[in-house]
Amino acid sequence: MELHDEELQNDNYQPSPEKATDEIAAADREDAGLRRYKKIMLHDTAQTEKIVVDMNDQRKELLKKLALNVDRHKDIKLDLTGDLSQLKEQVFVILEGVQYKMRIDFLVQREIMYGLKFVQKTY
């Protein structure tokens, strides 16, 4: 097993400790380049209100869509915004040896997201 494979199988993933956007913006103020970078990345949220996509949803991460991309086949797209109990009914088969990609569409609101863990199970 390659080192890369071992890293992928490690279930002990821990995201970086959470920090408020004000704290991130205040760090390294003397570095002009880093200050410009943070202003672009944080959209100057330290001085303005938080970015909120859906006022009625208190989650930081809003999952929208999961897509299975296989060469020479139509993408399989799962809508993650509705009733998730219906997803168990949507079964698809991936043949052994087929290379594929998974795409997750999501939005982040209110705070910075410090980690996202994707766990794939097969049956």
PDB file of N, CA and C in Angstrom:
ATOM      1  N   MET A   1       0.847  -1.186   0.000  1.00  0.00           N
ATOM      2  CA  MET A   1       0.000   0.000   0.000  1.00  0.00           C
ATOM      3  C   MET A   1       0.888   1.244   0.000  1.00  0.00           C
ATOM      4  N   GLU A   2       0.600   2.160  -0.877  1.00  0.00           N
ATOM      5  CA  GLU A   2       1.377   3.391  -0.948  1.00  0.00           C
ATOM      6  C   GLU A   2       1.023   4.310   0.213  1.00  0.00           C
ATOM      7  N   LEU A   3       1.938   5.231   0.514  1.00  0.00           N
ATOM      8  CA  LEU A   3       1.702   6.193   1.587  1.00  0.00           C
ATOM      9  C   LEU A   3       0.434   6.995   1.324  1.00  0.00           C
ATOM     10  N   HIS A   4       0.227   7.370   0.053  1.00  0.00           N
ATOM     11  CA  HIS A   4      -0.963   8.148  -0.302  1.00  0.00           C
ATOM     12  C   HIS A   4      -2.237   7.386   0.068  1.00  0.00           C
ATOM     13  N   ASP A   5      -2.269   6.083  -0.213  1.00  0.00           N
ATOM     14  CA  ASP A   5      -3.435   5.271   0.117  1.00  0.00           C
ATOM     15  C   ASP A   5      -3.671   5.220   1.618  1.00  0.00           C
ATOM     16  N   GLU A   6      -2.589   5.145   2.398  1.00  0.00           N
ATOM     17  CA  GLU A   6      -2.717   5.115   3.851  1.00  0.00           C
ATOM     18  C   GLU A   6      -3.319   6.421   4.363  1.00  0.00           C
ATOM     19  N   GLU A   7      -2.903   7.536   3.769  1.00  0.00           N
ATOM     20  CA  GLU A   7      -3.449   8.829   4.174  1.00  0.00           C
ATOM     21  C   GLU A   7      -4.943   8.902   3.886  1.00  0.00           C
ATOM     22  N   LEU A   8      -5.366   8.341   2.747  1.00  0.00           N
ATOM     23  CA  LEU A   8      -6.770   8.383   2.376  1.00  0.00           C
ATOM     24  C   LEU A   8      -7.626   7.518   3.297  1.00  0.00           C
ATOM     25  N   GLN A   9      -7.039   6.468   3.858  1.00  0.00           N
ATOM     26  CA  GLN A   9      -7.799   5.562   4.705  1.00  0.00           C
ATOM     27  C   GLN A   9      -7.792   5.977   6.169  1.00  0.00           C
ATOM     28  N   ASN A  10      -7.109   7.035   6.518  1.00  0.00           N
ATOM     29  CA  ASN A  10      -7.019   7.480   7.902  1.00  0.00           C
ATOM     30  C   ASN A  10      -8.339   8.124   8.322  1.00  0.00           C
ATOM     31  N   ASP A  11      -9.044   7.472   9.247  1.00  0.00           N
ATOM     32  CA  ASP A  11     -10.326   8.000   9.723  1.00  0.00           C
ATOM     33  C   ASP A  11     -10.165   8.985  10.869  1.00  0.00           C
ATOM     34  N   ASN A  12      -8.945   9.331  11.222  1.00  0.00           N
ATOM     35  CA  ASN A  12      -8.699  10.224  12.349  1.00  0.00           C
ATOM     36  C   ASN A  12      -8.508  11.664  11.897  1.00  0.00           C
ATOM     37  N   TYR A  13      -9.108  12.042  10.781  1.00  0.00           N
ATOM     38  CA  TYR A  13      -8.959  13.399  10.252  1.00  0.00           C
ATOM     39  C   TYR A  13      -9.488  14.418  11.250  1.00  0.00           C
ATOM     40  N   GLN A  14      -8.704  15.427  11.510  1.00  0.00           N
ATOM     41  CA  GLN A  14      -9.107  16.523  12.390  1.00  0.00           C
ATOM     42  C   GLN A  14      -8.897  17.836  11.644  1.00  0.00           C
ATOM     43  N   PRO A  15      -9.944  18.616  11.427  1.00  0.00           N
ATOM     44  CA  PRO A  15      -9.760  19.907  10.760  1.00  0.00           C
ATOM     45  C   PRO A  15      -8.986  20.868  11.653  1.00  0.00           C
ATOM     46  N   SER A  16      -8.478  21.917  11.065  1.00  0.00           N
ATOM     47  CA  SER A  16      -7.770  22.951  11.822  1.00  0.00           C
ATOM     48  C   SER A  16      -8.701  23.539  12.867  1.00  0.00           C
ATOM     49  N   PRO A  17      -8.137  24.040  13.969  1.00  0.00           N
ATOM     50  CA  PRO A  17      -8.999  24.665  14.979  1.00  0.00           C
ATOM     51  C   PRO A  17      -9.731  25.870  14.389  1.00  0.00           C
ATOM     52  N   GLU A  18     -10.972  26.045  14.790  1.00  0.00           N
ATOM     53  CA  GLU A  18     -11.773  27.148  14.262  1.00  0.00           C
ATOM     54  C   GLU A  18     -11.308  28.479  14.832  1.00  0.00           C
ATOM     55  N   LYS A  19     -11.341  29.488  13.961  1.00  0.00           N
ATOM     56  CA  LYS A  19     -11.018  30.857  14.358  1.00  0.00           C
ATOM     57  C   LYS A  19     -12.083  31.768  13.777  1.00  0.00           C
ATOM     58  N   ALA A  20     -12.384  32.819  14.478  1.00  0.00           N
ATOM     59  CA  ALA A  20     -13.337  33.803  13.972  1.00  0.00           C
ATOM     60  C   ALA A  20     -12.695  34.571  12.821  1.00  0.00           C
ATOM     61  N   THR A  21     -13.506  35.053  11.893  1.00  0.00           N
ATOM     62  CA  THR A  21     -12.960  35.806  10.764  1.00  0.00           C
ATOM     63  C   THR A  21     -12.232  37.056  11.237  1.00  0.00           C
ATOM     64  N   ASP A  22     -12.696  37.660  12.322  1.00  0.00           N
ATOM     65  CA  ASP A  22     -12.006  38.836  12.877  1.00  0.00           C
ATOM     66  C   ASP A  22     -10.590  38.470  13.310  1.00  0.00           C
ATOM     67  N   GLU A  23     -10.443  37.308  13.934  1.00  0.00           N
ATOM     68  CA  GLU A  23      -9.136  36.849  14.403  1.00  0.00           C
ATOM     69  C   GLU A  23      -8.201  36.560  13.229  1.00  0.00           C
ATOM     70  N   ILE A  24      -8.725  35.953  12.178  1.00  0.00           N
ATOM     71  CA  ILE A  24      -7.916  35.666  10.992  1.00  0.00           C
ATOM     72  C   ILE A  24      -7.480  36.965  10.327  1.00  0.00           C
ATOM     73  N   ALA A  25      -8.398  37.913  10.198  1.00  0.00           N
ATOM     74  CA  ALA A  25      -8.084  39.192   9.560  1.00  0.00           C
ATOM     75  C   ALA A  25      -7.048  39.972  10.363  1.00  0.00           C
ATOM     76  N   ALA A  26      -7.080  39.846  11.690  1.00  0.00           N
ATOM     77  CA  ALA A  26      -6.161  40.602  12.545  1.00  0.00           C
ATOM     78  C   ALA A  26      -4.748  40.021  12.548  1.00  0.00           C
ATOM     79  N   ALA A  27      -4.608  38.736  12.267  1.00  0.00           N
ATOM     80  CA  ALA A  27      -3.287  38.104  12.286  1.00  0.00           C
ATOM     81  C   ALA A  27      -2.436  38.614  11.122  1.00  0.00           C
ATOM     82  N   ASP A  28      -1.159  38.803  11.357  1.00  0.00           N
ATOM     83  CA  ASP A  28      -0.189  39.204  10.325  1.00  0.00           C
ATOM     84  C   ASP A  28      -0.563  40.509   9.631  1.00  0.00           C
ATOM     85  N   ARG A  29      -1.054  41.491  10.367  1.00  0.00           N
ATOM     86  CA  ARG A  29      -1.451  42.773   9.768  1.00  0.00           C
ATOM     87  C   ARG A  29      -0.286  43.507   9.101  1.00  0.00           C
ATOM     88  N   GLU A  30       0.939  43.258   9.556  1.00  0.00           N
ATOM     89  CA  GLU A  30       2.090  43.983   9.006  1.00  0.00           C
ATOM     90  C   GLU A  30       2.479  43.508   7.606  1.00  0.00           C
ATOM     91  N   ASP A  31       1.984  42.360   7.167  1.00  0.00           N
ATOM     92  CA  ASP A  31       2.309  41.819   5.847  1.00  0.00           C
ATOM     93  C   ASP A  31       1.277  42.331   4.839  1.00  0.00           C
ATOM     94  N   ALA A  32       1.673  43.292   3.998  1.00  0.00           N
ATOM     95  CA  ALA A  32       0.740  43.930   3.062  1.00  0.00           C
ATOM     96  C   ALA A  32       0.175  42.928   2.050  1.00  0.00           C
ATOM     97  N   GLY A  33       1.020  42.033   1.533  1.00  0.00           N
ATOM     98  CA  GLY A  33       0.560  41.043   0.561  1.00  0.00           C
ATOM     99  C   GLY A  33      -0.465  40.100   1.163  1.00  0.00           C
ATOM    100  N   LEU A  34      -0.194  39.647   2.370  1.00  0.00           N
ATOM    101  CA  LEU A  34      -1.125  38.755   3.060  1.00  0.00           C
ATOM    102  C   LEU A  34      -2.420  39.485   3.411  1.00  0.00           C
ATOM    103  N   ARG A  35      -2.313  40.754   3.738  1.00  0.00           N
ATOM    104  CA  ARG A  35      -3.491  41.558   4.051  1.00  0.00           C
ATOM    105  C   ARG A  35      -4.397  41.675   2.817  1.00  0.00           C
ATOM    106  N   ARG A  36      -3.791  41.914   1.637  1.00  0.00           N
ATOM    107  CA  ARG A  36      -4.569  41.990   0.393  1.00  0.00           C
ATOM    108  C   ARG A  36      -5.224  40.640   0.081  1.00  0.00           C
ATOM    109  N   TYR A  37      -4.454  39.557   0.265  1.00  0.00           N
ATOM    110  CA  TYR A  37      -4.972  38.210   0.010  1.00  0.00           C
ATOM    111  C   TYR A  37      -6.181  37.918   0.912  1.00  0.00           C
ATOM    112  N   LYS A  38      -6.054  38.234   2.192  1.00  0.00           N
ATOM    113  CA  LYS A  38      -7.152  37.992   3.133  1.00  0.00           C
ATOM    114  C   LYS A  38      -8.376  38.831   2.781  1.00  0.00           C
ATOM    115  N   LYS A  39      -8.147  40.057   2.330  1.00  0.00           N
ATOM    116  CA  LYS A  39      -9.272  40.917   1.959  1.00  0.00           C
ATOM    117  C   LYS A  39     -10.048  40.295   0.803  1.00  0.00           C
ATOM    118  N   ILE A  40      -9.321  39.710  -0.158  1.00  0.00           N
ATOM    119  CA  ILE A  40      -9.972  39.055  -1.293  1.00  0.00           C
ATOM    120  C   ILE A  40     -10.685  37.784  -0.841  1.00  0.00           C
ATOM    121  N   MET A  41      -9.995  36.950  -0.067  1.00  0.00           N
ATOM    122  CA  MET A  41     -10.549  35.660   0.350  1.00  0.00           C
ATOM    123  C   MET A  41     -11.694  35.801   1.350  1.00  0.00           C
ATOM    124  N   LEU A  42     -11.571  36.739   2.254  1.00  0.00           N
ATOM    125  CA  LEU A  42     -12.603  36.924   3.279  1.00  0.00           C
ATOM    126  C   LEU A  42     -13.665  37.927   2.852  1.00  0.00           C
ATOM    127  N   HIS A  43     -13.497  38.510   1.664  1.00  0.00           N
ATOM    128  CA  HIS A  43     -14.438  39.516   1.147  1.00  0.00           C
ATOM    129  C   HIS A  43     -14.642  40.638   2.156  1.00  0.00           C
ATOM    130  N   ASP A  44     -13.592  40.926   2.891  1.00  0.00           N
ATOM    131  CA  ASP A  44     -13.615  42.002   3.886  1.00  0.00           C
ATOM    132  C   ASP A  44     -14.742  41.793   4.898  1.00  0.00           C
ATOM    133  N   THR A  45     -15.039  40.507   5.223  1.00  0.00           N
ATOM    134  CA  THR A  45     -16.146  40.210   6.142  1.00  0.00           C
ATOM    135  C   THR A  45     -15.842  40.613   7.567  1.00  0.00           C
ATOM    136  N   ALA A  46     -14.583  40.828   7.891  1.00  0.00           N
ATOM    137  CA  ALA A  46     -14.269  41.239   9.263  1.00  0.00           C
ATOM    138  C   ALA A  46     -14.847  42.623   9.548  1.00  0.00           C
ATOM    139  N   GLN A  47     -14.982  43.438   8.497  1.00  0.00           N
ATOM    140  CA  GLN A  47     -15.505  44.781   8.698  1.00  0.00           C
ATOM    141  C   GLN A  47     -16.982  44.897   8.316  1.00  0.00           C
ATOM    142  N   THR A  48     -17.552  43.871   7.722  1.00  0.00           N
ATOM    143  CA  THR A  48     -18.952  43.930   7.300  1.00  0.00           C
ATOM    144  C   THR A  48     -19.715  42.748   7.885  1.00  0.00           C
ATOM    145  N   GLU A  49     -20.964  42.615   7.490  1.00  0.00           N
ATOM    146  CA  GLU A  49     -21.772  41.510   8.005  1.00  0.00           C
ATOM    147  C   GLU A  49     -21.371  40.188   7.351  1.00  0.00           C
ATOM    148  N   LYS A  50     -21.768  39.103   7.970  1.00  0.00           N
ATOM    149  CA  LYS A  50     -21.456  37.761   7.481  1.00  0.00           C
ATOM    150  C   LYS A  50     -22.227  37.471   6.199  1.00  0.00           C
ATOM    151  N   ILE A  51     -21.660  36.624   5.364  1.00  0.00           N
ATOM    152  CA  ILE A  51     -22.330  36.201   4.141  1.00  0.00           C
ATOM    153  C   ILE A  51     -23.339  35.123   4.507  1.00  0.00           C
ATOM    154  N   VAL A  52     -24.603  35.356   4.176  1.00  0.00           N
ATOM    155  CA  VAL A  52     -25.668  34.398   4.478  1.00  0.00           C
ATOM    156  C   VAL A  52     -26.424  34.111   3.189  1.00  0.00           C
ATOM    157  N   VAL A  53     -26.446  32.849   2.800  1.00  0.00           N
ATOM    158  CA  VAL A  53     -27.136  32.427   1.587  1.00  0.00           C
ATOM    159  C   VAL A  53     -28.606  32.158   1.877  1.00  0.00           C
ATOM    160  N   ASP A  54     -28.875  31.461   2.985  1.00  0.00           N
ATOM    161  CA  ASP A  54     -30.244  31.105   3.368  1.00  0.00           C
ATOM    162  C   ASP A  54     -30.457  31.469   4.831  1.00  0.00           C
ATOM    163  N   MET A  55     -31.225  32.515   5.085  1.00  0.00           N
ATOM    164  CA  MET A  55     -31.455  32.997   6.452  1.00  0.00           C
ATOM    165  C   MET A  55     -32.129  31.949   7.338  1.00  0.00           C
ATOM    166  N   ASN A  56     -32.910  31.054   6.745  1.00  0.00           N
ATOM    167  CA  ASN A  56     -33.645  30.053   7.516  1.00  0.00           C
ATOM    168  C   ASN A  56     -32.820  28.814   7.838  1.00  0.00           C
ATOM    169  N   ASP A  57     -31.638  28.712   7.292  1.00  0.00           N
ATOM    170  CA  ASP A  57     -30.786  27.537   7.499  1.00  0.00           C
ATOM    171  C   ASP A  57     -29.568  27.948   8.314  1.00  0.00           C
ATOM    172  N   GLN A  58     -29.417  27.381   9.495  1.00  0.00           N
ATOM    173  CA  GLN A  58     -28.328  27.772  10.394  1.00  0.00           C
ATOM    174  C   GLN A  58     -27.019  27.031  10.123  1.00  0.00           C
ATOM    175  N   ARG A  59     -27.022  26.059   9.208  1.00  0.00           N
ATOM    176  CA  ARG A  59     -25.795  25.309   8.914  1.00  0.00           C
ATOM    177  C   ARG A  59     -24.758  26.203   8.241  1.00  0.00           C
ATOM    178  N   LYS A  60     -23.483  25.858   8.439  1.00  0.00           N
ATOM    179  CA  LYS A  60     -22.411  26.574   7.745  1.00  0.00           C
ATOM    180  C   LYS A  60     -22.253  26.063   6.318  1.00  0.00           C
ATOM    181  N   GLU A  61     -22.444  24.758   6.119  1.00  0.00           N
ATOM    182  CA  GLU A  61     -22.285  24.152   4.802  1.00  0.00           C
ATOM    183  C   GLU A  61     -23.655  23.773   4.256  1.00  0.00           C
ATOM    184  N   LEU A  62     -23.954  24.221   3.065  1.00  0.00           N
ATOM    185  CA  LEU A  62     -25.225  23.904   2.417  1.00  0.00           C
ATOM    186  C   LEU A  62     -24.933  23.004   1.220  1.00  0.00           C
ATOM    187  N   LEU A  63     -25.197  21.708   1.366  1.00  0.00           N
ATOM    188  CA  LEU A  63     -24.965  20.765   0.276  1.00  0.00           C
ATOM    189  C   LEU A  63     -26.034  20.953  -0.785  1.00  0.00           C
ATOM    190  N   LYS A  64     -25.617  21.011  -2.033  1.00  0.00           N
ATOM    191  CA  LYS A  64     -26.557  21.247  -3.129  1.00  0.00           C
ATOM    192  C   LYS A  64     -26.705  20.029  -4.036  1.00  0.00           C
ATOM    193  N   LYS A  65     -25.563  19.455  -4.461  1.00  0.00           N
ATOM    194  CA  LYS A  65     -25.641  18.398  -5.461  1.00  0.00           C
ATOM    195  C   LYS A  65     -24.427  17.485  -5.343  1.00  0.00           C
ATOM    196  N   LEU A  66     -24.646  16.197  -5.619  1.00  0.00           N
ATOM    197  CA  LEU A  66     -23.577  15.214  -5.712  1.00  0.00           C
ATOM    198  C   LEU A  66     -23.641  14.654  -7.122  1.00  0.00           C
ATOM    199  N   ALA A  67     -22.514  14.625  -7.808  1.00  0.00           N
ATOM    200  CA  ALA A  67     -22.512  14.154  -9.192  1.00  0.00           C
ATOM    201  C   ALA A  67     -21.444  13.090  -9.382  1.00  0.00           C
ATOM    202  N   LEU A  68     -21.801  12.046 -10.129  1.00  0.00           N
ATOM    203  CA  LEU A  68     -20.876  10.983 -10.510  1.00  0.00           C
ATOM    204  C   LEU A  68     -20.522  11.204 -11.969  1.00  0.00           C
ATOM    205  N   ASN A  69     -19.245  11.417 -12.244  1.00  0.00           N
ATOM    206  CA  ASN A  69     -18.772  11.673 -13.601  1.00  0.00           C
ATOM    207  C   ASN A  69     -17.973  10.467 -14.088  1.00  0.00           C
ATOM    208  N   VAL A  70     -18.455   9.830 -15.161  1.00  0.00           N
ATOM    209  CA  VAL A  70     -17.771   8.700 -15.779  1.00  0.00           C
ATOM    210  C   VAL A  70     -17.582   9.049 -17.250  1.00  0.00           C
ATOM    211  N   ASP A  71     -16.374   8.812 -17.773  1.00  0.00           N
ATOM    212  CA  ASP A  71     -16.102   9.112 -19.182  1.00  0.00           C
ATOM    213  C   ASP A  71     -17.092   8.386 -20.091  1.00  0.00           C
ATOM    214  N   ARG A  72     -17.527   9.079 -21.128  1.00  0.00           N
ATOM    215  CA  ARG A  72     -18.425   8.562 -22.159  1.00  0.00           C
ATOM    216  C   ARG A  72     -19.797   8.145 -21.626  1.00  0.00           C
ATOM    217  N   HIS A  73     -20.197   8.673 -20.482  1.00  0.00           N
ATOM    218  CA  HIS A  73     -21.531   8.417 -19.938  1.00  0.00           C
ATOM    219  C   HIS A  73     -22.123   9.728 -19.440  1.00  0.00           C
ATOM    220  N   LYS A  74     -23.427   9.786 -19.434  1.00  0.00           N
ATOM    221  CA  LYS A  74     -24.113  10.957 -18.896  1.00  0.00           C
ATOM    222  C   LYS A  74     -23.888  11.006 -17.387  1.00  0.00           C
ATOM    223  N   ASP A  75     -23.619  12.201 -16.862  1.00  0.00           N
ATOM    224  CA  ASP A  75     -23.405  12.357 -15.422  1.00  0.00           C
ATOM    225  C   ASP A  75     -24.663  11.952 -14.648  1.00  0.00           C
ATOM    226  N   ILE A  76     -24.442  11.317 -13.504  1.00  0.00           N
ATOM    227  CA  ILE A  76     -25.533  11.010 -12.584  1.00  0.00           C
ATOM    228  C   ILE A  76     -25.502  12.087 -11.514  1.00  0.00           C
ATOM    229  N   LYS A  77     -26.594  12.828 -11.376  1.00  0.00           N
ATOM    230  CA  LYS A  77     -26.646  13.941 -10.428  1.00  0.00           C
ATOM    231  C   LYS A  77     -27.714  13.672  -9.378  1.00  0.00           C
ATOM    232  N   LEU A  78     -27.335  13.852  -8.122  1.00  0.00           N
ATOM    233  CA  LEU A  78     -28.261  13.680  -7.014  1.00  0.00           C
ATOM    234  C   LEU A  78     -28.504  15.031  -6.366  1.00  0.00           C
ATOM    235  N   ASP A  79     -29.765  15.438  -6.299  1.00  0.00           N
ATOM    236  CA  ASP A  79     -30.139  16.702  -5.671  1.00  0.00           C
ATOM    237  C   ASP A  79     -30.143  16.514  -4.160  1.00  0.00           C
ATOM    238  N   LEU A  80     -29.330  17.282  -3.447  1.00  0.00           N
ATOM    239  CA  LEU A  80     -29.210  17.160  -1.998  1.00  0.00           C
ATOM    240  C   LEU A  80     -29.982  18.242  -1.255  1.00  0.00           C
ATOM    241  N   THR A  81     -30.840  18.969  -1.960  1.00  0.00           N
ATOM    242  CA  THR A  81     -31.573  20.063  -1.322  1.00  0.00           C
ATOM    243  C   THR A  81     -32.963  19.646  -0.851  1.00  0.00           C
ATOM    244  N   GLY A  82     -33.453  18.519  -1.323  1.00  0.00           N
ATOM    245  CA  GLY A  82     -34.809  18.101  -0.979  1.00  0.00           C
ATOM    246  C   GLY A  82     -34.832  17.020   0.083  1.00  0.00           C
ATOM    247  N   ASP A  83     -35.756  16.083  -0.079  1.00  0.00           N
ATOM    248  CA  ASP A  83     -35.949  14.979   0.863  1.00  0.00           C
ATOM    249  C   ASP A  83     -34.843  13.944   0.657  1.00  0.00           C
ATOM    250  N   LEU A  84     -33.898  13.881   1.589  1.00  0.00           N
ATOM    251  CA  LEU A  84     -32.744  12.990   1.452  1.00  0.00           C
ATOM    252  C   LEU A  84     -33.116  11.520   1.625  1.00  0.00           C
ATOM    253  N   SER A  85     -34.254  11.224   2.217  1.00  0.00           N
ATOM    254  CA  SER A  85     -34.658   9.825   2.388  1.00  0.00           C
ATOM    255  C   SER A  85     -34.898   9.156   1.033  1.00  0.00           C
ATOM    256  N   GLN A  86     -35.199   9.936   0.009  1.00  0.00           N
ATOM    257  CA  GLN A  86     -35.433   9.392  -1.326  1.00  0.00           C
ATOM    258  C   GLN A  86     -34.140   8.969  -2.024  1.00  0.00           C
ATOM    259  N   LEU A  87     -32.995   9.414  -1.524  1.00  0.00           N
ATOM    260  CA  LEU A  87     -31.726   9.080  -2.171  1.00  0.00           C
ATOM    261  C   LEU A  87     -31.418   7.589  -2.109  1.00  0.00           C
ATOM    262  N   LYS A  88     -31.895   6.898  -1.086  1.00  0.00           N
ATOM    263  CA  LYS A  88     -31.649   5.459  -0.965  1.00  0.00           C
ATOM    264  C   LYS A  88     -32.278   4.686  -2.118  1.00  0.00           C
ATOM    265  N   GLU A  89     -33.282   5.254  -2.737  1.00  0.00           N
ATOM    266  CA  GLU A  89     -33.958   4.605  -3.859  1.00  0.00           C
ATOM    267  C   GLU A  89     -33.176   4.765  -5.163  1.00  0.00           C
ATOM    268  N   GLN A  90     -32.250   5.705  -5.207  1.00  0.00           N
ATOM    269  CA  GLN A  90     -31.480   5.957  -6.422  1.00  0.00           C
ATOM    270  C   GLN A  90     -30.195   5.129  -6.377  1.00  0.00           C
ATOM    271  N   VAL A  91     -30.236   3.976  -7.014  1.00  0.00           N
ATOM    272  CA  VAL A  91     -29.104   3.056  -7.016  1.00  0.00           C
ATOM    273  C   VAL A  91     -28.423   3.132  -8.374  1.00  0.00           C
ATOM    274  N   PHE A  92     -27.100   3.128  -8.374  1.00  0.00           N
ATOM    275  CA  PHE A  92     -26.364   3.044  -9.624  1.00  0.00           C
ATOM    276  C   PHE A  92     -25.177   2.118  -9.421  1.00  0.00           C
ATOM    277  N   VAL A  93     -24.776   1.449 -10.490  1.00  0.00           N
ATOM    278  CA  VAL A  93     -23.715   0.447 -10.438  1.00  0.00           C
ATOM    279  C   VAL A  93     -22.463   1.017 -11.083  1.00  0.00           C
ATOM    280  N   ILE A  94     -21.343   0.862 -10.392  1.00  0.00           N
ATOM    281  CA  ILE A  94     -20.041   1.246 -10.939  1.00  0.00           C
ATOM    282  C   ILE A  94     -19.260  -0.043 -11.146  1.00  0.00           C
ATOM    283  N   LEU A  95     -18.930  -0.348 -12.374  1.00  0.00           N
ATOM    284  CA  LEU A  95     -18.214  -1.582 -12.674  1.00  0.00           C
ATOM    285  C   LEU A  95     -16.784  -1.526 -12.153  1.00  0.00           C
ATOM    286  N   GLU A  96     -16.261  -2.680 -11.786  1.00  0.00           N
ATOM    287  CA  GLU A  96     -14.892  -2.772 -11.291  1.00  0.00           C
ATOM    288  C   GLU A  96     -13.919  -2.302 -12.370  1.00  0.00           C
ATOM    289  N   GLY A  97     -12.955  -1.510 -11.969  1.00  0.00           N
ATOM    290  CA  GLY A  97     -11.932  -1.018 -12.883  1.00  0.00           C
ATOM    291  C   GLY A  97     -12.285   0.271 -13.606  1.00  0.00           C
ATOM    292  N   VAL A  98     -13.506   0.731 -13.482  1.00  0.00           N
ATOM    293  CA  VAL A  98     -13.933   1.965 -14.142  1.00  0.00           C
ATOM    294  C   VAL A  98     -13.419   3.162 -13.350  1.00  0.00           C
ATOM    295  N   GLN A  99     -12.838   4.118 -14.055  1.00  0.00           N
ATOM    296  CA  GLN A  99     -12.389   5.337 -13.391  1.00  0.00           C
ATOM    297  C   GLN A  99     -13.528   6.350 -13.413  1.00  0.00           C
ATOM    298  N   TYR A 100     -13.737   6.980 -12.276  1.00  0.00           N
ATOM    299  CA  TYR A 100     -14.816   7.948 -12.158  1.00  0.00           C
ATOM    300  C   TYR A 100     -14.394   9.067 -11.220  1.00  0.00           C
ATOM    301  N   LYS A 101     -15.159  10.139 -11.256  1.00  0.00           N
ATOM    302  CA  LYS A 101     -14.931  11.286 -10.373  1.00  0.00           C
ATOM    303  C   LYS A 101     -16.242  11.606  -9.674  1.00  0.00           C
ATOM    304  N   MET A 102     -16.133  12.045  -8.434  1.00  0.00           N
ATOM    305  CA  MET A 102     -17.295  12.508  -7.684  1.00  0.00           C
ATOM    306  C   MET A 102     -17.157  14.020  -7.529  1.00  0.00           C
ATOM    307  N   ARG A 103     -18.259  14.721  -7.711  1.00  0.00           N
ATOM    308  CA  ARG A 103     -18.257  16.170  -7.528  1.00  0.00           C
ATOM    309  C   ARG A 103     -19.334  16.529  -6.508  1.00  0.00           C
ATOM    310  N   ILE A 104     -18.957  17.356  -5.556  1.00  0.00           N
ATOM    311  CA  ILE A 104     -19.903  17.818  -4.542  1.00  0.00           C
ATOM    312  C   ILE A 104     -20.053  19.320  -4.706  1.00  0.00           C
ATOM    313  N   ASP A 105     -21.271  19.777  -4.936  1.00  0.00           N
ATOM    314  CA  ASP A 105     -21.553  21.211  -5.020  1.00  0.00           C
ATOM    315  C   ASP A 105     -22.119  21.655  -3.680  1.00  0.00           C
ATOM    316  N   PHE A 106     -21.498  22.659  -3.078  1.00  0.00           N
ATOM    317  CA  PHE A 106     -21.963  23.152  -1.789  1.00  0.00           C
ATOM    318  C   PHE A 106     -21.647  24.625  -1.649  1.00  0.00           C
ATOM    319  N   LEU A 107     -22.334  25.276  -0.722  1.00  0.00           N
ATOM    320  CA  LEU A 107     -22.108  26.680  -0.402  1.00  0.00           C
ATOM    321  C   LEU A 107     -21.707  26.777   1.058  1.00  0.00           C
ATOM    322  N   VAL A 108     -20.934  27.781   1.380  1.00  0.00           N
ATOM    323  CA  VAL A 108     -20.529  28.034   2.763  1.00  0.00           C
ATOM    324  C   VAL A 108     -21.094  29.390   3.156  1.00  0.00           C
ATOM    325  N   GLN A 109     -21.699  29.444   4.334  1.00  0.00           N
ATOM    326  CA  GLN A 109     -22.267  30.707   4.809  1.00  0.00           C
ATOM    327  C   GLN A 109     -21.899  30.936   6.265  1.00  0.00           C
ATOM    328  N   ARG A 110     -21.966  32.174   6.671  1.00  0.00           N
ATOM    329  CA  ARG A 110     -21.796  32.658   8.047  1.00  0.00           C
ATOM    330  C   ARG A 110     -20.367  32.627   8.561  1.00  0.00           C
ATOM    331  N   GLU A 111     -19.640  31.564   8.396  1.00  0.00           N
ATOM    332  CA  GLU A 111     -18.280  31.434   8.919  1.00  0.00           C
ATOM    333  C   GLU A 111     -17.407  30.714   7.912  1.00  0.00           C
ATOM    334  N   ILE A 112     -16.139  30.643   8.212  1.00  0.00           N
ATOM    335  CA  ILE A 112     -15.203  29.891   7.389  1.00  0.00           C
ATOM    336  C   ILE A 112     -15.357  28.415   7.714  1.00  0.00           C
ATOM    337  N   MET A 113     -15.288  27.573   6.703  1.00  0.00           N
ATOM    338  CA  MET A 113     -15.354  26.131   6.916  1.00  0.00           C
ATOM    339  C   MET A 113     -13.926  25.615   7.053  1.00  0.00           C
ATOM    340  N   TYR A 114     -13.645  24.921   8.136  1.00  0.00           N
ATOM    341  CA  TYR A 114     -12.285  24.489   8.432  1.00  0.00           C
ATOM    342  C   TYR A 114     -11.993  23.069   8.006  1.00  0.00           C
ATOM    343  N   GLY A 115     -12.927  22.371   7.494  1.00  0.00           N
ATOM    344  CA  GLY A 115     -12.679  21.021   7.023  1.00  0.00           C
ATOM    345  C   GLY A 115     -13.949  20.402   6.481  1.00  0.00           C
ATOM    346  N   LEU A 116     -13.775  19.556   5.502  1.00  0.00           N
ATOM    347  CA  LEU A 116     -14.899  18.847   4.921  1.00  0.00           C
ATOM    348  C   LEU A 116     -14.436  17.419   4.709  1.00  0.00           C
ATOM    349  N   LYS A 117     -15.127  16.485   5.285  1.00  0.00           N
ATOM    350  CA  LYS A 117     -14.751  15.081   5.184  1.00  0.00           C
ATOM    351  C   LYS A 117     -15.795  14.357   4.350  1.00  0.00           C
ATOM    352  N   PHE A 118     -15.337  13.639   3.343  1.00  0.00           N
ATOM    353  CA  PHE A 118     -16.215  12.856   2.478  1.00  0.00           C
ATOM    354  C   PHE A 118     -15.943  11.388   2.756  1.00  0.00           C
ATOM    355  N   VAL A 119     -16.961  10.652   3.149  1.00  0.00           N
ATOM    356  CA  VAL A 119     -16.829   9.221   3.401  1.00  0.00           C
ATOM    357  C   VAL A 119     -17.697   8.503   2.386  1.00  0.00           C
ATOM    358  N   GLN A 120     -17.074   7.623   1.613  1.00  0.00           N
ATOM    359  CA  GLN A 120     -17.803   6.883   0.591  1.00  0.00           C
ATOM    360  C   GLN A 120     -17.935   5.434   1.038  1.00  0.00           C
ATOM    361  N   LYS A 121     -19.137   4.916   0.974  1.00  0.00           N
ATOM    362  CA  LYS A 121     -19.381   3.521   1.341  1.00  0.00           C
ATOM    363  C   LYS A 121     -19.945   2.794   0.136  1.00  0.00           C
ATOM    364  N   THR A 122     -19.553   1.551  -0.026  1.00  0.00           N
ATOM    365  CA  THR A 122     -20.080   0.736  -1.115  1.00  0.00           C
ATOM    366  C   THR A 122     -20.794  -0.473  -0.530  1.00  0.00           C
ATOM    367  N   TYR A 123     -21.783  -0.933  -1.240  1.00  0.00           N
ATOM    368  CA  TYR A 123     -22.570  -2.087  -0.778  1.00  0.00           C
ATOM    369  C   TYR A 123     -22.667  -3.116  -1.878  1.00  0.00           C
TER     370      TYR A 123
END
